[in-house]
C-alpha atoms as a PDB file:
ATOM      1  CA  MET A   1      52.750 -36.658  -8.228  1.00  0.00           C
ATOM      2  CA  ASP A   2      50.088 -35.785 -10.795  1.00  0.00           C
ATOM      3  CA  ILE A   3      50.771 -35.593 -14.522  1.00  0.00           C
ATOM      4  CA  PHE A   4      51.050 -31.813 -14.493  1.00  0.00           C
ATOM      5  CA  GLU A   5      53.578 -31.786 -11.661  1.00  0.00           C
ATOM      6  CA  TYR A   6      55.559 -34.506 -13.417  1.00  0.00           C
ATOM      7  CA  ALA A   7      55.426 -32.630 -16.733  1.00  0.00           C
ATOM      8  CA  MET A   8      56.482 -29.367 -15.074  1.00  0.00           C
ATOM      9  CA  GLN A   9      59.514 -31.145 -13.592  1.00  0.00           C
ATOM     10  CA  MET A  10      60.359 -32.565 -17.037  1.00  0.00           C
ATOM     11  CA  GLU A  11      60.282 -29.052 -18.472  1.00  0.00           C
ATOM     12  CA  LYS A  12      62.471 -27.668 -15.660  1.00  0.00           C
ATOM     13  CA  ASP A  13      64.957 -30.485 -16.235  1.00  0.00           C
ATOM     14  CA  GLY A  14      64.917 -29.796 -19.982  1.00  0.00           C
ATOM     15  CA  GLU A  15      65.529 -26.105 -19.409  1.00  0.00           C
ATOM     16  CA  GLY A  16      68.474 -26.901 -17.145  1.00  0.00           C
ATOM     17  CA  TYR A  17      69.965 -29.286 -19.693  1.00  0.00           C
ATOM     18  CA  TYR A  18      69.706 -26.777 -22.539  1.00  0.00           C
ATOM     19  CA  ARG A  19      71.231 -24.027 -20.405  1.00  0.00           C
ATOM     20  CA  GLU A  20      74.093 -26.398 -19.545  1.00  0.00           C
ATOM     21  CA  LEU A  21      74.607 -27.163 -23.248  1.00  0.00           C
ATOM     22  CA  ALA A  22      74.483 -23.455 -24.096  1.00  0.00           C
ATOM     23  CA  GLY A  23      77.131 -22.823 -21.451  1.00  0.00           C
ATOM     24  CA  ARG A  24      79.401 -25.395 -23.088  1.00  0.00           C
ATOM     25  CA  ALA A  25      78.877 -24.158 -26.646  1.00  0.00           C
ATOM     26  CA  GLU A  26      81.690 -22.032 -27.985  1.00  0.00           C
ATOM     27  CA  ASN A  27      79.867 -21.093 -31.172  1.00  0.00           C
ATOM     28  CA  ALA A  28      77.650 -18.048 -30.581  1.00  0.00           C
ATOM     29  CA  GLY A  29      74.985 -19.275 -33.009  1.00  0.00           C
ATOM     30  CA  LEU A  30      74.644 -22.670 -31.359  1.00  0.00           C
ATOM     31  CA  LYS A  31      74.657 -21.009 -27.949  1.00  0.00           C
ATOM     32  CA  SER A  32      71.771 -18.819 -29.136  1.00  0.00           C
ATOM     33  CA  ILE A  33      69.735 -21.767 -30.460  1.00  0.00           C
ATOM     34  CA  LEU A  34      70.282 -23.799 -27.282  1.00  0.00           C
ATOM     35  CA  THR A  35      69.204 -20.801 -25.209  1.00  0.00           C
ATOM     36  CA  MET A  36      66.071 -20.535 -27.368  1.00  0.00           C
ATOM     37  CA  LEU A  37      65.332 -24.188 -26.630  1.00  0.00           C
ATOM     38  CA  ALA A  38      65.764 -23.533 -22.888  1.00  0.00           C
ATOM     39  CA  ASP A  39      63.396 -20.565 -23.148  1.00  0.00           C
ATOM     40  CA  GLU A  40      60.845 -22.769 -24.929  1.00  0.00           C
ATOM     41  CA  GLU A  41      60.961 -25.198 -22.008  1.00  0.00           C
ATOM     42  CA  VAL A  42      60.215 -22.287 -19.653  1.00  0.00           C
ATOM     43  CA  LYS A  43      57.152 -21.416 -21.764  1.00  0.00           C
ATOM     44  CA  HIS A  44      56.010 -25.025 -21.542  1.00  0.00           C
ATOM     45  CA  TYR A  45      56.481 -25.008 -17.774  1.00  0.00           C
ATOM     46  CA  LYS A  46      54.355 -21.873 -17.427  1.00  0.00           C
ATOM     47  CA  ALA A  47      51.625 -23.297 -19.650  1.00  0.00           C
ATOM     48  CA  LEU A  48      51.543 -26.497 -17.592  1.00  0.00           C
ATOM     49  CA  ARG A  49      51.361 -24.553 -14.348  1.00  0.00           C
ATOM     50  CA  GLN A  50      48.363 -22.623 -15.676  1.00  0.00           C
ATOM     51  CA  LEU A  51      46.841 -25.757 -17.177  1.00  0.00           C
ATOM     52  CA  LYS A  52      46.232 -27.219 -13.738  1.00  0.00           C
ATOM     53  CA  THR A  53      43.514 -24.652 -13.068  1.00  0.00           C
ATOM     54  CA  ALA A  54      42.649 -22.814 -16.266  1.00  0.00           C
ATOM     55  CA  GLU A  55      43.198 -22.780 -19.993  1.00  0.00           C
ATOM     56  CA  PRO A  56      46.604 -21.226 -20.697  1.00  0.00           C
ATOM     57  CA  GLN A  57      47.292 -18.846 -23.537  1.00  0.00           C
ATOM     58  CA  MET A  58      50.118 -20.301 -25.596  1.00  0.00           C
ATOM     59  CA  ALA A  59      51.649 -18.203 -28.319  1.00  0.00           C
ATOM     60  CA  GLU A  60      52.681 -19.896 -31.547  1.00  0.00           C
ATOM     61  CA  THR A  61      56.289 -20.985 -31.414  1.00  0.00           C
ATOM     62  CA  THR A  62      58.716 -19.431 -33.866  1.00  0.00           C
ATOM     63  CA  ILE A  63      61.733 -21.488 -32.865  1.00  0.00           C
ATOM     64  CA  LEU A  64      62.306 -23.106 -36.271  1.00  0.00           C
ATOM     65  CA  THR A  65      62.171 -19.755 -38.055  1.00  0.00           C
ATOM     66  CA  ASP A  66      64.367 -18.162 -35.409  1.00  0.00           C
ATOM     67  CA  ALA A  67      66.898 -21.010 -35.636  1.00  0.00           C
ATOM     68  CA  LYS A  68      66.880 -20.743 -39.430  1.00  0.00           C
ATOM     69  CA  ASN A  69      67.814 -17.063 -39.067  1.00  0.00           C
ATOM     70  CA  VAL A  70      70.659 -17.955 -36.707  1.00  0.00           C
ATOM     71  CA  PHE A  71      71.973 -20.567 -39.124  1.00  0.00           C
ATOM     72  CA  ALA A  72      71.767 -17.991 -41.933  1.00  0.00           C
ATOM     73  CA  GLY A  73      73.799 -15.589 -39.812  1.00  0.00           C
ATOM     74  CA  MET A  74      76.364 -18.285 -39.163  1.00  0.00           C
ATOM     75  CA  LYS A  75      76.605 -18.936 -42.887  1.00  0.00           C
ATOM     76  CA  ALA A  76      76.999 -15.214 -43.618  1.00  0.00           C
ATOM     77  CA  SER A  77      79.766 -14.832 -41.051  1.00  0.00           C
ATOM     78  CA  GLY A  78      81.626 -17.854 -42.425  1.00  0.00           C
ATOM     79  CA  ASP A  79      83.206 -18.566 -39.032  1.00  0.00           C
ATOM     80  CA  LEU A  80      82.588 -22.219 -38.277  1.00  0.00           C
ATOM     81  CA  SER A  81      85.877 -22.935 -36.564  1.00  0.00           C
ATOM     82  CA  ASP A  82      84.442 -23.247 -33.070  1.00  0.00           C
ATOM     83  CA  LEU A  83      81.986 -26.092 -33.703  1.00  0.00           C
ATOM     84  CA  ASP A  84      82.548 -29.052 -31.388  1.00  0.00           C
ATOM     85  CA  ILE A  85      81.624 -32.359 -33.016  1.00  0.00           C
ATOM     86  CA  GLU A  86      82.222 -34.129 -29.704  1.00  0.00           C
ATOM     87  CA  GLN A  87      79.039 -32.540 -28.368  1.00  0.00           C
ATOM     88  CA  THR A  88      76.819 -34.442 -30.796  1.00  0.00           C
ATOM     89  CA  GLU A  89      76.273 -37.139 -28.165  1.00  0.00           C
ATOM     90  CA  LEU A  90      74.923 -34.471 -25.811  1.00  0.00           C
ATOM     91  CA  TYR A  91      72.542 -33.303 -28.556  1.00  0.00           C
ATOM     92  CA  ARG A  92      71.443 -36.890 -29.129  1.00  0.00           C
ATOM     93  CA  LYS A  93      70.675 -37.170 -25.417  1.00  0.00           C
ATOM     94  CA  ALA A  94      68.574 -34.002 -25.721  1.00  0.00           C
ATOM     95  CA  GLN A  95      66.777 -35.619 -28.670  1.00  0.00           C
ATOM     96  CA  ASP A  96      65.981 -38.651 -26.523  1.00  0.00           C
ATOM     97  CA  ILE A  97      64.563 -36.363 -23.840  1.00  0.00           C
ATOM     98  CA  GLU A  98      62.429 -34.535 -26.412  1.00  0.00           C
ATOM     99  CA  LYS A  99      61.123 -37.808 -27.843  1.00  0.00           C
ATOM    100  CA  LYS A 100      60.198 -39.081 -24.378  1.00  0.00           C
ATOM    101  CA  SER A 101      58.455 -35.789 -23.624  1.00  0.00           C
ATOM    102  CA  GLN A 102      56.559 -35.942 -26.907  1.00  0.00           C
ATOM    103  CA  ASP A 103      55.426 -39.513 -26.187  1.00  0.00           C
ATOM    104  CA  PHE A 104      54.463 -38.572 -22.617  1.00  0.00           C
ATOM    105  CA  TYR A 105      52.289 -35.650 -23.731  1.00  0.00           C
ATOM    106  CA  GLN A 106      50.585 -37.710 -26.425  1.00  0.00           C
ATOM    107  CA  ALA A 107      49.784 -40.483 -23.953  1.00  0.00           C
ATOM    108  CA  LYS A 108      48.593 -38.154 -21.196  1.00  0.00           C
ATOM    109  CA  ALA A 109      46.338 -36.248 -23.587  1.00  0.00           C
ATOM    110  CA  ASP A 110      44.161 -39.375 -23.640  1.00  0.00           C
ATOM    111  CA  GLU A 111      43.957 -39.443 -19.840  1.00  0.00           C
ATOM    112  CA  VAL A 112      42.733 -35.919 -19.088  1.00  0.00           C
ATOM    113  CA  GLU A 113      39.046 -35.113 -19.003  1.00  0.00           C
ATOM    114  CA  GLU A 114      39.051 -31.437 -19.921  1.00  0.00           C
ATOM    115  CA  GLN A 115      39.182 -30.794 -23.667  1.00  0.00           C
ATOM    116  CA  TYR A 116      41.383 -27.707 -23.255  1.00  0.00           C
ATOM    117  CA  GLN A 117      43.906 -29.784 -21.285  1.00  0.00           C
ATOM    118  CA  LYS A 118      43.945 -32.410 -24.032  1.00  0.00           C
ATOM    119  CA  GLN A 119      44.520 -29.708 -26.673  1.00  0.00           C
ATOM    120  CA  VAL A 120      47.403 -28.141 -24.761  1.00  0.00           C
ATOM    121  CA  LEU A 121      49.064 -31.506 -24.113  1.00  0.00           C
ATOM    122  CA  LEU A 122      48.822 -32.386 -27.805  1.00  0.00           C
ATOM    123  CA  ARG A 123      50.256 -28.994 -28.712  1.00  0.00           C
ATOM    124  CA  LEU A 124      53.142 -29.539 -26.310  1.00  0.00           C
ATOM    125  CA  ALA A 125      53.745 -32.918 -27.964  1.00  0.00           C
ATOM    126  CA  GLU A 126      53.944 -31.164 -31.343  1.00  0.00           C
ATOM    127  CA  GLU A 127      56.393 -28.607 -29.996  1.00  0.00           C
ATOM    128  CA  GLU A 128      58.594 -31.315 -28.506  1.00  0.00           C
ATOM    129  CA  GLY A 129      58.594 -32.891 -31.971  1.00  0.00           C
ATOM    130  CA  ARG A 130      59.823 -29.594 -33.423  1.00  0.00           C
ATOM    131  CA  HIS A 131      62.581 -29.479 -30.819  1.00  0.00           C
ATOM    132  CA  TYR A 132      63.596 -33.023 -31.790  1.00  0.00           C
ATOM    133  CA  PHE A 133      63.704 -31.950 -35.448  1.00  0.00           C
ATOM    134  CA  LEU A 134      65.771 -28.868 -34.611  1.00  0.00           C
ATOM    135  CA  LEU A 135      68.245 -30.967 -32.632  1.00  0.00           C
ATOM    136  CA  GLU A 136      68.572 -33.291 -35.619  1.00  0.00           C
ATOM    137  CA  ASN A 137      69.543 -30.257 -37.679  1.00  0.00           C
ATOM    138  CA  ILE A 138      72.055 -29.154 -35.042  1.00  0.00           C
ATOM    139  CA  ILE A 139      73.636 -32.620 -35.101  1.00  0.00           C
ATOM    140  CA  GLU A 140      73.836 -32.558 -38.901  1.00  0.00           C
ATOM    141  CA  PHE A 141      75.193 -29.019 -38.849  1.00  0.00           C
ATOM    142  CA  VAL A 142      77.911 -29.743 -36.290  1.00  0.00           C
ATOM    143  CA  SER A 143      78.846 -33.001 -38.020  1.00  0.00           C
ATOM    144  CA  ARG A 144      79.194 -31.461 -41.485  1.00  0.00           C
ATOM    145  CA  PRO A 145      78.744 -27.685 -41.447  1.00  0.00           C
ATOM    146  CA  GLU A 146      80.015 -26.990 -44.940  1.00  0.00           C
ATOM    147  CA  THR A 147      77.600 -29.327 -46.708  1.00  0.00           C
ATOM    148  CA  TRP A 148      74.714 -28.424 -44.388  1.00  0.00           C
ATOM    149  CA  LEU A 149      75.182 -24.748 -45.199  1.00  0.00           C
ATOM    150  CA  GLU A 150      75.595 -25.286 -48.951  1.00  0.00           C
ATOM    151  CA  ASP A 151      71.852 -25.200 -49.400  1.00  0.00           C
ATOM    152  CA  ALA A 152      71.136 -21.484 -49.487  1.00  0.00           C
ATOM    153  CA  GLU A 153      67.433 -22.102 -48.988  1.00  0.00           C
ATOM    154  CA  PHE A 154      67.960 -24.018 -45.726  1.00  0.00           C
ATOM    155  CA  ASN A 155      65.407 -26.636 -46.699  1.00  0.00           C
ATOM    156  CA  HIS A 156      66.391 -28.447 -43.540  1.00  0.00           C
ATOM    157  CA  LEU A 157      64.261 -26.130 -41.426  1.00  0.00           C
ATOM    158  CA  GLU A 158      61.230 -25.572 -43.580  1.00  0.00           C
ATOM    159  CA  GLU A 159      58.224 -25.471 -41.296  1.00  0.00           C
ATOM    160  CA  TYR A 160      58.011 -28.881 -39.678  1.00  0.00           C
END
């Protein structure tokens, strides 16, 4: 299996995991953010599929801004009763997956010969780092929503 096939399978697995987590989430905001993460993995999969033969067009990700808006909506609604702290271990597992993906892309960027492939792999590594950062914020939010939301500026999700 070549690196692109392997990476595409990683992205499919990541998408499936995020969709599973979204299905378990009772809080609509968290469900939305987890679905966004799954959708990001689909974008990565498509870019990798194209990368095998041509330079893909990858749009800039807006996931941190989008998640910040969801968190703001959650704060405005004030309904935080359906957060499940027991799911933090599942989010930590997702963080581990994101970290491994980030490390994989960084390492494989040194192995490809085409410059455009190297650039895309490094960009994917950056995006996996953003996902890791977002998951850290989800863990903090679920663990202590009142103090996390106290900061009206949401400095937690300033552009990573």
